[in-house]
């Protein structure tokens, strides 16, 4: 008896592909393809039992008609608009839409960073820890307290702010879901291919080109992947277009940001603040200009050591979890019914 065959469609890089293949359970014949040509894809489909579609790899009626052995489609991500669910049901293939824990952790980290930089958290922590204000302390009660004893006049929040997300993939989708509760004015976004209106309505999104996102943003969130076109694509010209009151939050690929230009923009007060989790060269070194500036609490520059993904092991076995459950005749956790 031959092993069940899995076609794993992805647009992610080799490092992520290796991690997924390494985590595949024994007994599965896994074929990993990154954006295969249509003729290659159509030739593979009649030979597979399971299909994993990661992030934005569509599953069309034409594909489903060719996949005569297909039993289950697993979407790694949270959107199913580009899976023809009705065609899948017609062929008897089941569909599961499985959220990815790492993207959720990244979205949570982005929310934390947005709030921290809008509220100048680094400065407030430093001031509270130093307690160097020269004022007499009095015991507090319902009428006695010292609100904002440092006299800060630039502490803001998310409500009625324009948030713009560049690189609107799965992390951006999870971030938009979490931002809705803060009641921003508008959530602008930009990606290579615009989402359908149903997704935009669900997530309160407004599509705009990248320049419009930059100009409109009170909070500019960069989730851009690295490519030849995004290499240092957020640079001095970008910062010149942003509002001086705006902040930048970056969790995309490190080399997307021109870091020296960012340092200069912050020093010149062309931006109100920034928060970064990824960097052009990692790990950060003590002499790096970002590190030097972040040591000044007044800079409103917050740095975290590439931890947005959380403390997860390099294990992607759950990518195959629905297939394992299917083969064991167990209930599927994320099936669309």
C-alpha atoms as a PDB file:
ATOM      1  CA  UNK A   1       0.000   0.000   0.000  1.00  0.00           C
ATOM      2  CA  UNK A   2       1.412   3.385  -0.991  1.00  0.00           C
ATOM      3  CA  UNK A   3       1.606   6.280   1.453  1.00  0.00           C
ATOM      4  CA  UNK A   4      -1.029   9.011   1.194  1.00  0.00           C
ATOM      5  CA  UNK A   5       0.274  11.802  -1.033  1.00  0.00           C
ATOM      6  CA  UNK A   6       0.193  15.448   0.101  1.00  0.00           C
ATOM      7  CA  UNK A   7       0.712  18.441  -2.177  1.00  0.00           C
ATOM      8  CA  UNK A   8       1.879  21.408  -0.090  1.00  0.00           C
ATOM      9  CA  UNK A   9       1.489  24.706  -1.959  1.00  0.00           C
ATOM     10  CA  UNK A  10       3.303  27.703  -0.480  1.00  0.00           C
ATOM     11  CA  UNK A  11       4.853  31.030  -1.372  1.00  0.00           C
ATOM     12  CA  UNK A  12       7.289  30.992   1.550  1.00  0.00           C
ATOM     13  CA  UNK A  13      11.081  30.745   1.352  1.00  0.00           C
ATOM     14  CA  UNK A  14      13.311  27.687   1.568  1.00  0.00           C
ATOM     15  CA  UNK A  15      13.899  27.979   5.310  1.00  0.00           C
ATOM     16  CA  UNK A  16      10.164  27.746   6.028  1.00  0.00           C
ATOM     17  CA  UNK A  17       9.762  24.964   3.491  1.00  0.00           C
ATOM     18  CA  UNK A  18      12.511  22.900   5.133  1.00  0.00           C
ATOM     19  CA  UNK A  19      10.921  23.381   8.560  1.00  0.00           C
ATOM     20  CA  UNK A  20       7.558  22.154   7.253  1.00  0.00           C
ATOM     21  CA  UNK A  21       9.035  19.132   5.489  1.00  0.00           C
ATOM     22  CA  UNK A  22      11.106  18.237   8.548  1.00  0.00           C
ATOM     23  CA  UNK A  23       7.921  18.232  10.648  1.00  0.00           C
ATOM     24  CA  UNK A  24       5.913  16.017   8.307  1.00  0.00           C
ATOM     25  CA  UNK A  25       4.780  12.851  10.104  1.00  0.00           C
ATOM     26  CA  UNK A  26       6.061   9.496   8.849  1.00  0.00           C
ATOM     27  CA  UNK A  27       3.780   7.742   6.448  1.00  0.00           C
ATOM     28  CA  UNK A  28       3.008  10.793   4.306  1.00  0.00           C
ATOM     29  CA  UNK A  29       4.534  11.412   0.888  1.00  0.00           C
ATOM     30  CA  UNK A  30       4.807  15.232   0.873  1.00  0.00           C
ATOM     31  CA  UNK A  31       5.494  17.228  -2.285  1.00  0.00           C
ATOM     32  CA  UNK A  32       6.385  20.878  -1.573  1.00  0.00           C
ATOM     33  CA  UNK A  33       5.868  23.386  -4.378  1.00  0.00           C
ATOM     34  CA  UNK A  34       6.348  27.146  -4.331  1.00  0.00           C
ATOM     35  CA  UNK A  35       4.042  28.790  -6.859  1.00  0.00           C
ATOM     36  CA  UNK A  36       4.357  25.992  -9.465  1.00  0.00           C
ATOM     37  CA  UNK A  37       3.534  26.681 -13.132  1.00  0.00           C
ATOM     38  CA  UNK A  38      -0.024  25.737 -14.040  1.00  0.00           C
ATOM     39  CA  UNK A  39       0.931  22.791 -16.236  1.00  0.00           C
ATOM     40  CA  UNK A  40       3.096  21.289 -13.480  1.00  0.00           C
ATOM     41  CA  UNK A  41       0.353  21.835 -10.907  1.00  0.00           C
ATOM     42  CA  UNK A  42      -2.360  20.284 -13.060  1.00  0.00           C
ATOM     43  CA  UNK A  43      -0.176  17.247 -13.721  1.00  0.00           C
ATOM     44  CA  UNK A  44       0.323  16.682  -9.987  1.00  0.00           C
ATOM     45  CA  UNK A  45      -3.295  17.118  -8.890  1.00  0.00           C
ATOM     46  CA  UNK A  46      -4.664  13.730 -10.078  1.00  0.00           C
ATOM     47  CA  UNK A  47      -1.995  11.966  -7.971  1.00  0.00           C
ATOM     48  CA  UNK A  48      -2.698  13.549  -4.567  1.00  0.00           C
ATOM     49  CA  UNK A  49      -4.910  12.614  -1.625  1.00  0.00           C
ATOM     50  CA  UNK A  50      -4.486  15.804   0.423  1.00  0.00           C
ATOM     51  CA  UNK A  51      -3.822  19.433  -0.432  1.00  0.00           C
ATOM     52  CA  UNK A  52      -2.266  22.001   1.905  1.00  0.00           C
ATOM     53  CA  UNK A  53      -2.648  25.586   0.714  1.00  0.00           C
ATOM     54  CA  UNK A  54      -0.485  27.989   2.696  1.00  0.00           C
ATOM     55  CA  UNK A  55      -1.591  31.615   2.982  1.00  0.00           C
ATOM     56  CA  UNK A  56      -2.571  32.797  -0.493  1.00  0.00           C
ATOM     57  CA  UNK A  57      -2.359  29.739  -2.744  1.00  0.00           C
ATOM     58  CA  UNK A  58      -5.817  29.509  -4.392  1.00  0.00           C
ATOM     59  CA  UNK A  59      -7.803  26.336  -4.882  1.00  0.00           C
ATOM     60  CA  UNK A  60     -10.050  26.652  -7.924  1.00  0.00           C
ATOM     61  CA  UNK A  61     -12.853  24.565  -9.396  1.00  0.00           C
ATOM     62  CA  UNK A  62     -10.526  23.596 -12.270  1.00  0.00           C
ATOM     63  CA  UNK A  63      -7.965  22.303  -9.789  1.00  0.00           C
ATOM     64  CA  UNK A  64     -10.602  20.363  -7.886  1.00  0.00           C
ATOM     65  CA  UNK A  65     -11.940  18.757 -11.052  1.00  0.00           C
ATOM     66  CA  UNK A  66      -8.420  17.487 -11.793  1.00  0.00           C
ATOM     67  CA  UNK A  67      -7.776  16.249  -8.230  1.00  0.00           C
ATOM     68  CA  UNK A  68      -9.807  13.070  -8.567  1.00  0.00           C
ATOM     69  CA  UNK A  69      -8.350  11.440  -5.404  1.00  0.00           C
ATOM     70  CA  UNK A  70      -8.549  14.525  -3.194  1.00  0.00           C
ATOM     71  CA  UNK A  71     -10.089  13.943   0.225  1.00  0.00           C
ATOM     72  CA  UNK A  72      -9.176  17.052   2.248  1.00  0.00           C
ATOM     73  CA  UNK A  73      -7.994  20.627   1.645  1.00  0.00           C
ATOM     74  CA  UNK A  74      -6.195  22.355   4.506  1.00  0.00           C
ATOM     75  CA  UNK A  75      -5.772  26.117   4.299  1.00  0.00           C
ATOM     76  CA  UNK A  76      -2.978  27.298   6.598  1.00  0.00           C
ATOM     77  CA  UNK A  77      -4.314  30.729   7.389  1.00  0.00           C
ATOM     78  CA  UNK A  78      -7.589  32.356   8.254  1.00  0.00           C
ATOM     79  CA  UNK A  79      -9.140  33.307   4.892  1.00  0.00           C
ATOM     80  CA  UNK A  80     -10.954  30.965   2.528  1.00  0.00           C
ATOM     81  CA  UNK A  81     -12.229  33.418  -0.110  1.00  0.00           C
ATOM     82  CA  UNK A  82      -9.892  31.948  -2.762  1.00  0.00           C
ATOM     83  CA  UNK A  83     -10.914  28.333  -2.124  1.00  0.00           C
ATOM     84  CA  UNK A  84     -13.919  27.204  -4.148  1.00  0.00           C
ATOM     85  CA  UNK A  85     -15.633  25.584  -1.186  1.00  0.00           C
ATOM     86  CA  UNK A  86     -18.799  24.713  -3.113  1.00  0.00           C
ATOM     87  CA  UNK A  87     -16.795  22.956  -5.824  1.00  0.00           C
ATOM     88  CA  UNK A  88     -14.913  21.058  -3.121  1.00  0.00           C
ATOM     89  CA  UNK A  89     -18.163  19.918  -1.536  1.00  0.00           C
ATOM     90  CA  UNK A  90     -19.421  18.803  -4.955  1.00  0.00           C
ATOM     91  CA  UNK A  91     -16.382  16.545  -5.367  1.00  0.00           C
ATOM     92  CA  UNK A  92     -16.625  15.206  -1.810  1.00  0.00           C
ATOM     93  CA  UNK A  93     -13.438  16.914  -0.613  1.00  0.00           C
ATOM     94  CA  UNK A  94     -13.591  18.375   2.876  1.00  0.00           C
ATOM     95  CA  UNK A  95     -12.127  21.824   3.689  1.00  0.00           C
ATOM     96  CA  UNK A  96     -10.398  22.982   6.879  1.00  0.00           C
ATOM     97  CA  UNK A  97      -9.279  26.565   7.497  1.00  0.00           C
ATOM     98  CA  UNK A  98      -6.592  26.375  10.152  1.00  0.00           C
ATOM     99  CA  UNK A  99      -5.274  29.502  11.929  1.00  0.00           C
ATOM    100  CA  UNK A 100      -1.499  29.681  12.242  1.00  0.00           C
ATOM    101  CA  UNK A 101      -0.350  30.230  15.815  1.00  0.00           C
ATOM    102  CA  UNK A 102       2.851  32.046  14.843  1.00  0.00           C
ATOM    103  CA  UNK A 103       0.960  34.658  12.811  1.00  0.00           C
ATOM    104  CA  UNK A 104      -1.406  35.249  15.728  1.00  0.00           C
ATOM    105  CA  UNK A 105       1.553  35.777  18.070  1.00  0.00           C
ATOM    106  CA  UNK A 106       3.037  38.260  15.588  1.00  0.00           C
ATOM    107  CA  UNK A 107      -0.248  40.166  15.364  1.00  0.00           C
ATOM    108  CA  UNK A 108      -0.457  40.353  19.153  1.00  0.00           C
ATOM    109  CA  UNK A 109       3.123  41.636  19.269  1.00  0.00           C
ATOM    110  CA  UNK A 110       2.258  44.272  16.672  1.00  0.00           C
ATOM    111  CA  UNK A 111      -0.659  45.517  18.786  1.00  0.00           C
ATOM    112  CA  UNK A 112       1.627  45.720  21.815  1.00  0.00           C
ATOM    113  CA  UNK A 113       4.227  47.701  19.865  1.00  0.00           C
ATOM    114  CA  UNK A 114       1.645  50.062  18.372  1.00  0.00           C
ATOM    115  CA  UNK A 115       0.221  50.917  21.777  1.00  0.00           C
ATOM    116  CA  UNK A 116       3.670  51.178  23.365  1.00  0.00           C
ATOM    117  CA  UNK A 117       4.981  53.665  20.838  1.00  0.00           C
ATOM    118  CA  UNK A 118       1.761  55.724  20.724  1.00  0.00           C
ATOM    119  CA  UNK A 119       1.866  55.981  24.499  1.00  0.00           C
ATOM    120  CA  UNK A 120       5.657  56.580  24.714  1.00  0.00           C
ATOM    121  CA  UNK A 121       5.962  53.575  26.985  1.00  0.00           C
ATOM    122  CA  UNK A 122       9.750  53.531  27.049  1.00  0.00           C
ATOM    123  CA  UNK A 123       9.908  57.086  28.375  1.00  0.00           C
ATOM    124  CA  UNK A 124       7.207  56.445  30.965  1.00  0.00           C
ATOM    125  CA  UNK A 125       8.933  53.302  32.231  1.00  0.00           C
ATOM    126  CA  UNK A 126      12.237  55.125  32.490  1.00  0.00           C
ATOM    127  CA  UNK A 127      10.616  58.059  34.323  1.00  0.00           C
ATOM    128  CA  UNK A 128       8.762  55.832  36.784  1.00  0.00           C
ATOM    129  CA  UNK A 129      11.881  53.766  37.491  1.00  0.00           C
ATOM    130  CA  UNK A 130      14.028  56.871  37.965  1.00  0.00           C
ATOM    131  CA  UNK A 131      11.383  58.687  40.077  1.00  0.00           C
ATOM    132  CA  UNK A 132      13.420  61.841  39.524  1.00  0.00           C
ATOM    133  CA  UNK A 133      10.828  64.614  39.532  1.00  0.00           C
ATOM    134  CA  UNK A 134      11.519  66.718  42.617  1.00  0.00           C
ATOM    135  CA  UNK A 135       7.939  66.655  43.875  1.00  0.00           C
ATOM    136  CA  UNK A 136       6.635  65.707  47.292  1.00  0.00           C
ATOM    137  CA  UNK A 137       4.602  62.509  47.507  1.00  0.00           C
ATOM    138  CA  UNK A 138       1.166  62.459  49.151  1.00  0.00           C
ATOM    139  CA  UNK A 139      -0.923  59.422  49.993  1.00  0.00           C
ATOM    140  CA  UNK A 140      -3.631  58.942  47.370  1.00  0.00           C
ATOM    141  CA  UNK A 141      -7.361  58.686  47.956  1.00  0.00           C
ATOM    142  CA  UNK A 142     -10.403  59.436  45.814  1.00  0.00           C
ATOM    143  CA  UNK A 143      -9.570  63.151  45.761  1.00  0.00           C
ATOM    144  CA  UNK A 144      -5.794  63.101  46.112  1.00  0.00           C
ATOM    145  CA  UNK A 145      -3.625  61.875  43.263  1.00  0.00           C
ATOM    146  CA  UNK A 146      -1.097  63.188  40.797  1.00  0.00           C
ATOM    147  CA  UNK A 147      -2.227  62.514  37.228  1.00  0.00           C
ATOM    148  CA  UNK A 148       0.606  62.647  34.690  1.00  0.00           C
ATOM    149  CA  UNK A 149       3.074  63.998  37.227  1.00  0.00           C
ATOM    150  CA  UNK A 150       5.758  64.277  34.530  1.00  0.00           C
ATOM    151  CA  UNK A 151       3.565  66.647  32.501  1.00  0.00           C
ATOM    152  CA  UNK A 152       3.711  64.737  29.224  1.00  0.00           C
ATOM    153  CA  UNK A 153       1.502  66.247  26.516  1.00  0.00           C
ATOM    154  CA  UNK A 154       2.025  63.758  23.674  1.00  0.00           C
ATOM    155  CA  UNK A 155       0.596  60.484  24.955  1.00  0.00           C
ATOM    156  CA  UNK A 156      -1.901  59.177  22.431  1.00  0.00           C
ATOM    157  CA  UNK A 157      -3.987  56.138  21.603  1.00  0.00           C
ATOM    158  CA  UNK A 158      -5.430  54.162  18.711  1.00  0.00           C
ATOM    159  CA  UNK A 159      -9.021  55.377  18.708  1.00  0.00           C
ATOM    160  CA  UNK A 160      -9.856  57.415  15.589  1.00  0.00           C
ATOM    161  CA  UNK A 161      -6.339  57.003  14.209  1.00  0.00           C
ATOM    162  CA  UNK A 162      -5.500  55.964  10.660  1.00  0.00           C
ATOM    163  CA  UNK A 163      -3.587  52.690  10.608  1.00  0.00           C
ATOM    164  CA  UNK A 164      -1.942  51.624   7.344  1.00  0.00           C
ATOM    165  CA  UNK A 165      -0.574  48.125   6.796  1.00  0.00           C
ATOM    166  CA  UNK A 166       2.004  47.441   4.097  1.00  0.00           C
ATOM    167  CA  UNK A 167       2.362  43.773   3.210  1.00  0.00           C
ATOM    168  CA  UNK A 168      -1.141  42.609   4.058  1.00  0.00           C
ATOM    169  CA  UNK A 169      -0.709  38.859   4.397  1.00  0.00           C
ATOM    170  CA  UNK A 170      -1.820  36.548   7.188  1.00  0.00           C
ATOM    171  CA  UNK A 171      -0.180  38.571   9.969  1.00  0.00           C
ATOM    172  CA  UNK A 172      -1.885  41.697   8.649  1.00  0.00           C
ATOM    173  CA  UNK A 173      -5.242  39.919   8.567  1.00  0.00           C
ATOM    174  CA  UNK A 174      -4.870  38.796  12.177  1.00  0.00           C
ATOM    175  CA  UNK A 175      -3.693  42.302  13.138  1.00  0.00           C
ATOM    176  CA  UNK A 176      -6.711  43.938  11.483  1.00  0.00           C
ATOM    177  CA  UNK A 177      -9.031  41.624  13.414  1.00  0.00           C
ATOM    178  CA  UNK A 178      -7.462  42.776  16.675  1.00  0.00           C
ATOM    179  CA  UNK A 179      -7.378  46.457  15.741  1.00  0.00           C
ATOM    180  CA  UNK A 180     -11.137  46.621  15.156  1.00  0.00           C
ATOM    181  CA  UNK A 181     -11.782  46.621  18.896  1.00  0.00           C
ATOM    182  CA  UNK A 182      -9.727  49.812  19.296  1.00  0.00           C
ATOM    183  CA  UNK A 183     -12.043  51.672  16.907  1.00  0.00           C
ATOM    184  CA  UNK A 184      -9.466  53.198  14.558  1.00  0.00           C
ATOM    185  CA  UNK A 185     -10.691  55.752  12.048  1.00  0.00           C
ATOM    186  CA  UNK A 186      -9.560  53.742   9.016  1.00  0.00           C
ATOM    187  CA  UNK A 187      -7.420  50.669   8.399  1.00  0.00           C
ATOM    188  CA  UNK A 188      -5.703  51.212   5.060  1.00  0.00           C
ATOM    189  CA  UNK A 189      -3.806  48.361   3.455  1.00  0.00           C
ATOM    190  CA  UNK A 190      -1.687  47.550   0.442  1.00  0.00           C
ATOM    191  CA  UNK A 191      -0.763  44.205  -1.098  1.00  0.00           C
ATOM    192  CA  UNK A 192       0.067  42.877  -4.545  1.00  0.00           C
ATOM    193  CA  UNK A 193      -3.478  41.646  -5.134  1.00  0.00           C
ATOM    194  CA  UNK A 194      -6.430  43.388  -3.534  1.00  0.00           C
ATOM    195  CA  UNK A 195      -8.725  41.355  -1.301  1.00  0.00           C
ATOM    196  CA  UNK A 196     -12.355  40.919  -2.390  1.00  0.00           C
ATOM    197  CA  UNK A 197     -14.902  43.319  -0.939  1.00  0.00           C
ATOM    198  CA  UNK A 198     -16.254  40.639   1.402  1.00  0.00           C
ATOM    199  CA  UNK A 199     -12.869  40.426   3.160  1.00  0.00           C
ATOM    200  CA  UNK A 200     -12.502  44.212   3.240  1.00  0.00           C
ATOM    201  CA  UNK A 201     -15.922  44.555   4.874  1.00  0.00           C
ATOM    202  CA  UNK A 202     -15.192  41.852   7.430  1.00  0.00           C
ATOM    203  CA  UNK A 203     -11.890  43.432   8.484  1.00  0.00           C
ATOM    204  CA  UNK A 204     -12.812  47.131   8.061  1.00  0.00           C
ATOM    205  CA  UNK A 205     -10.148  47.521   5.395  1.00  0.00           C
ATOM    206  CA  UNK A 206      -9.697  50.219   2.780  1.00  0.00           C
ATOM    207  CA  UNK A 207      -7.359  49.480  -0.105  1.00  0.00           C
ATOM    208  CA  UNK A 208      -4.845  52.165  -1.120  1.00  0.00           C
ATOM    209  CA  UNK A 209      -1.606  52.319  -3.033  1.00  0.00           C
ATOM    210  CA  UNK A 210       1.556  52.306  -0.941  1.00  0.00           C
ATOM    211  CA  UNK A 211       2.153  56.065  -1.218  1.00  0.00           C
ATOM    212  CA  UNK A 212      -1.381  56.831  -0.044  1.00  0.00           C
ATOM    213  CA  UNK A 213      -0.903  54.448   2.883  1.00  0.00           C
ATOM    214  CA  UNK A 214       2.273  56.278   3.869  1.00  0.00           C
ATOM    215  CA  UNK A 215       0.660  59.715   3.602  1.00  0.00           C
ATOM    216  CA  UNK A 216      -2.527  58.823   5.482  1.00  0.00           C
ATOM    217  CA  UNK A 217      -0.999  56.798   8.303  1.00  0.00           C
ATOM    218  CA  UNK A 218      -0.933  57.855  11.912  1.00  0.00           C
ATOM    219  CA  UNK A 219       0.465  54.359  12.464  1.00  0.00           C
ATOM    220  CA  UNK A 220       2.351  52.771   9.569  1.00  0.00           C
ATOM    221  CA  UNK A 221       2.777  49.017  10.048  1.00  0.00           C
ATOM    222  CA  UNK A 222       5.361  47.317   7.832  1.00  0.00           C
ATOM    223  CA  UNK A 223       4.879  43.578   7.368  1.00  0.00           C
ATOM    224  CA  UNK A 224       6.637  43.469   4.011  1.00  0.00           C
ATOM    225  CA  UNK A 225       8.590  40.360   3.031  1.00  0.00           C
ATOM    226  CA  UNK A 226      12.069  40.696   1.603  1.00  0.00           C
ATOM    227  CA  UNK A 227      12.524  40.769  -2.164  1.00  0.00           C
ATOM    228  CA  UNK A 228      14.504  42.726  -4.727  1.00  0.00           C
ATOM    229  CA  UNK A 229      11.691  45.302  -4.828  1.00  0.00           C
ATOM    230  CA  UNK A 230      11.308  45.678  -1.059  1.00  0.00           C
ATOM    231  CA  UNK A 231      15.032  45.829  -0.196  1.00  0.00           C
ATOM    232  CA  UNK A 232      15.339  49.058   1.865  1.00  0.00           C
ATOM    233  CA  UNK A 233      12.101  50.198   0.278  1.00  0.00           C
ATOM    234  CA  UNK A 234      11.128  52.128   3.441  1.00  0.00           C
ATOM    235  CA  UNK A 235      13.689  54.893   3.351  1.00  0.00           C
ATOM    236  CA  UNK A 236      14.249  58.626   3.769  1.00  0.00           C
ATOM    237  CA  UNK A 237      11.747  59.413   1.019  1.00  0.00           C
ATOM    238  CA  UNK A 238       9.108  57.397   2.853  1.00  0.00           C
ATOM    239  CA  UNK A 239       9.714  59.219   6.108  1.00  0.00           C
ATOM    240  CA  UNK A 240       9.537  62.582   4.312  1.00  0.00           C
ATOM    241  CA  UNK A 241       5.998  61.713   3.156  1.00  0.00           C
ATOM    242  CA  UNK A 242       4.782  60.649   6.597  1.00  0.00           C
ATOM    243  CA  UNK A 243       3.085  62.950   9.066  1.00  0.00           C
ATOM    244  CA  UNK A 244       5.542  64.238  11.700  1.00  0.00           C
ATOM    245  CA  UNK A 245       3.068  62.930  14.290  1.00  0.00           C
ATOM    246  CA  UNK A 246       3.054  59.436  12.772  1.00  0.00           C
ATOM    247  CA  UNK A 247       4.828  56.340  14.078  1.00  0.00           C
ATOM    248  CA  UNK A 248       6.332  53.321  12.323  1.00  0.00           C
ATOM    249  CA  UNK A 249       5.957  49.737  13.542  1.00  0.00           C
ATOM    250  CA  UNK A 250       7.987  47.100  11.711  1.00  0.00           C
ATOM    251  CA  UNK A 251       7.679  43.306  11.933  1.00  0.00           C
ATOM    252  CA  UNK A 252       8.386  42.484   8.292  1.00  0.00           C
ATOM    253  CA  UNK A 253      11.716  41.312   6.941  1.00  0.00           C
ATOM    254  CA  UNK A 254      14.589  43.214   8.494  1.00  0.00           C
ATOM    255  CA  UNK A 255      16.243  44.491   5.327  1.00  0.00           C
ATOM    256  CA  UNK A 256      13.077  46.293   4.202  1.00  0.00           C
ATOM    257  CA  UNK A 257      13.958  49.285   6.412  1.00  0.00           C
ATOM    258  CA  UNK A 258      16.765  51.739   5.712  1.00  0.00           C
ATOM    259  CA  UNK A 259      17.753  51.811   9.366  1.00  0.00           C
ATOM    260  CA  UNK A 260      20.136  54.754   9.207  1.00  0.00           C
ATOM    261  CA  UNK A 261      17.480  56.843   7.476  1.00  0.00           C
ATOM    262  CA  UNK A 262      15.066  55.890  10.252  1.00  0.00           C
ATOM    263  CA  UNK A 263      17.551  56.972  12.919  1.00  0.00           C
ATOM    264  CA  UNK A 264      18.023  60.310  11.176  1.00  0.00           C
ATOM    265  CA  UNK A 265      14.261  60.842  10.789  1.00  0.00           C
ATOM    266  CA  UNK A 266      13.701  60.197  14.501  1.00  0.00           C
ATOM    267  CA  UNK A 267      16.539  62.498  15.511  1.00  0.00           C
ATOM    268  CA  UNK A 268      15.158  65.244  13.261  1.00  0.00           C
ATOM    269  CA  UNK A 269      11.643  64.734  14.709  1.00  0.00           C
ATOM    270  CA  UNK A 270      10.282  63.864  11.283  1.00  0.00           C
ATOM    271  CA  UNK A 271       8.569  60.926  12.988  1.00  0.00           C
ATOM    272  CA  UNK A 272       6.987  60.729  16.422  1.00  0.00           C
ATOM    273  CA  UNK A 273       8.343  57.262  17.139  1.00  0.00           C
ATOM    274  CA  UNK A 274       9.106  53.779  15.904  1.00  0.00           C
ATOM    275  CA  UNK A 275       9.113  50.174  17.111  1.00  0.00           C
ATOM    276  CA  UNK A 276      11.022  47.352  15.423  1.00  0.00           C
ATOM    277  CA  UNK A 277      11.316  43.615  15.953  1.00  0.00           C
ATOM    278  CA  UNK A 278      13.452  42.700  12.907  1.00  0.00           C
ATOM    279  CA  UNK A 279      16.703  44.169  11.575  1.00  0.00           C
ATOM    280  CA  UNK A 280      18.982  44.193   8.558  1.00  0.00           C
ATOM    281  CA  UNK A 281      21.749  42.451  10.516  1.00  0.00           C
ATOM    282  CA  UNK A 282      20.809  40.146  13.385  1.00  0.00           C
ATOM    283  CA  UNK A 283      21.437  39.860  16.261  1.00  0.00           C
ATOM    284  CA  UNK A 284      21.773  43.570  17.008  1.00  0.00           C
ATOM    285  CA  UNK A 285      25.168  44.734  18.212  1.00  0.00           C
ATOM    286  CA  UNK A 286      25.768  47.267  21.040  1.00  0.00           C
ATOM    287  CA  UNK A 287      27.299  49.817  18.647  1.00  0.00           C
ATOM    288  CA  UNK A 288      24.374  49.806  16.199  1.00  0.00           C
ATOM    289  CA  UNK A 289      22.876  53.267  15.684  1.00  0.00           C
ATOM    290  CA  UNK A 290      19.384  51.954  16.452  1.00  0.00           C
ATOM    291  CA  UNK A 291      20.555  50.557  19.772  1.00  0.00           C
ATOM    292  CA  UNK A 292      22.378  53.776  20.623  1.00  0.00           C
ATOM    293  CA  UNK A 293      19.282  55.867  19.937  1.00  0.00           C
ATOM    294  CA  UNK A 294      16.883  53.501  21.722  1.00  0.00           C
ATOM    295  CA  UNK A 295      18.868  53.969  24.932  1.00  0.00           C
ATOM    296  CA  UNK A 296      17.519  57.526  25.034  1.00  0.00           C
ATOM    297  CA  UNK A 297      13.967  57.279  26.431  1.00  0.00           C
ATOM    298  CA  UNK A 298      13.061  60.555  24.706  1.00  0.00           C
ATOM    299  CA  UNK A 299      13.654  59.013  21.269  1.00  0.00           C
ATOM    300  CA  UNK A 300      10.452  56.929  21.460  1.00  0.00           C
ATOM    301  CA  UNK A 301      12.286  54.133  19.682  1.00  0.00           C
ATOM    302  CA  UNK A 302      11.408  50.669  20.978  1.00  0.00           C
ATOM    303  CA  UNK A 303      13.361  47.574  19.952  1.00  0.00           C
ATOM    304  CA  UNK A 304      12.540  43.923  20.615  1.00  0.00           C
ATOM    305  CA  UNK A 305      14.940  41.054  19.765  1.00  0.00           C
ATOM    306  CA  UNK A 306      12.973  39.365  16.934  1.00  0.00           C
ATOM    307  CA  UNK A 307      10.543  37.720  19.339  1.00  0.00           C
ATOM    308  CA  UNK A 308       7.173  38.562  17.763  1.00  0.00           C
ATOM    309  CA  UNK A 309       6.704  34.943  16.741  1.00  0.00           C
ATOM    310  CA  UNK A 310       6.871  33.941  20.392  1.00  0.00           C
ATOM    311  CA  UNK A 311       8.842  31.158  22.056  1.00  0.00           C
ATOM    312  CA  UNK A 312       7.698  28.417  19.738  1.00  0.00           C
ATOM    313  CA  UNK A 313       9.984  25.545  18.724  1.00  0.00           C
ATOM    314  CA  UNK A 314      10.953  25.187  15.073  1.00  0.00           C
ATOM    315  CA  UNK A 315       8.260  22.551  14.663  1.00  0.00           C
ATOM    316  CA  UNK A 316       5.485  22.729  12.096  1.00  0.00           C
ATOM    317  CA  UNK A 317       3.928  19.336  12.746  1.00  0.00           C
ATOM    318  CA  UNK A 318       0.526  20.941  13.297  1.00  0.00           C
ATOM    319  CA  UNK A 319       0.566  21.952   9.608  1.00  0.00           C
ATOM    320  CA  UNK A 320      -0.303  18.290   9.049  1.00  0.00           C
ATOM    321  CA  UNK A 321      -2.564  17.953  12.085  1.00  0.00           C
ATOM    322  CA  UNK A 322      -5.858  17.903  10.199  1.00  0.00           C
ATOM    323  CA  UNK A 323      -4.537  15.250   7.806  1.00  0.00           C
ATOM    324  CA  UNK A 324      -3.377  13.087  10.722  1.00  0.00           C
ATOM    325  CA  UNK A 325      -6.777  13.461  12.378  1.00  0.00           C
ATOM    326  CA  UNK A 326      -8.523  12.593   9.102  1.00  0.00           C
ATOM    327  CA  UNK A 327      -6.460   9.423   8.667  1.00  0.00           C
ATOM    328  CA  UNK A 328      -7.176   8.448  12.285  1.00  0.00           C
ATOM    329  CA  UNK A 329     -10.932   8.955  11.751  1.00  0.00           C
ATOM    330  CA  UNK A 330     -10.937  11.715  14.364  1.00  0.00           C
ATOM    331  CA  UNK A 331     -13.056  14.892  14.168  1.00  0.00           C
ATOM    332  CA  UNK A 332     -11.432  17.749  12.258  1.00  0.00           C
ATOM    333  CA  UNK A 333     -10.841  20.881  14.340  1.00  0.00           C
ATOM    334  CA  UNK A 334     -11.186  23.549  11.657  1.00  0.00           C
ATOM    335  CA  UNK A 335     -13.551  22.099   9.068  1.00  0.00           C
ATOM    336  CA  UNK A 336     -15.903  24.395   7.177  1.00  0.00           C
ATOM    337  CA  UNK A 337     -19.348  22.839   7.387  1.00  0.00           C
END
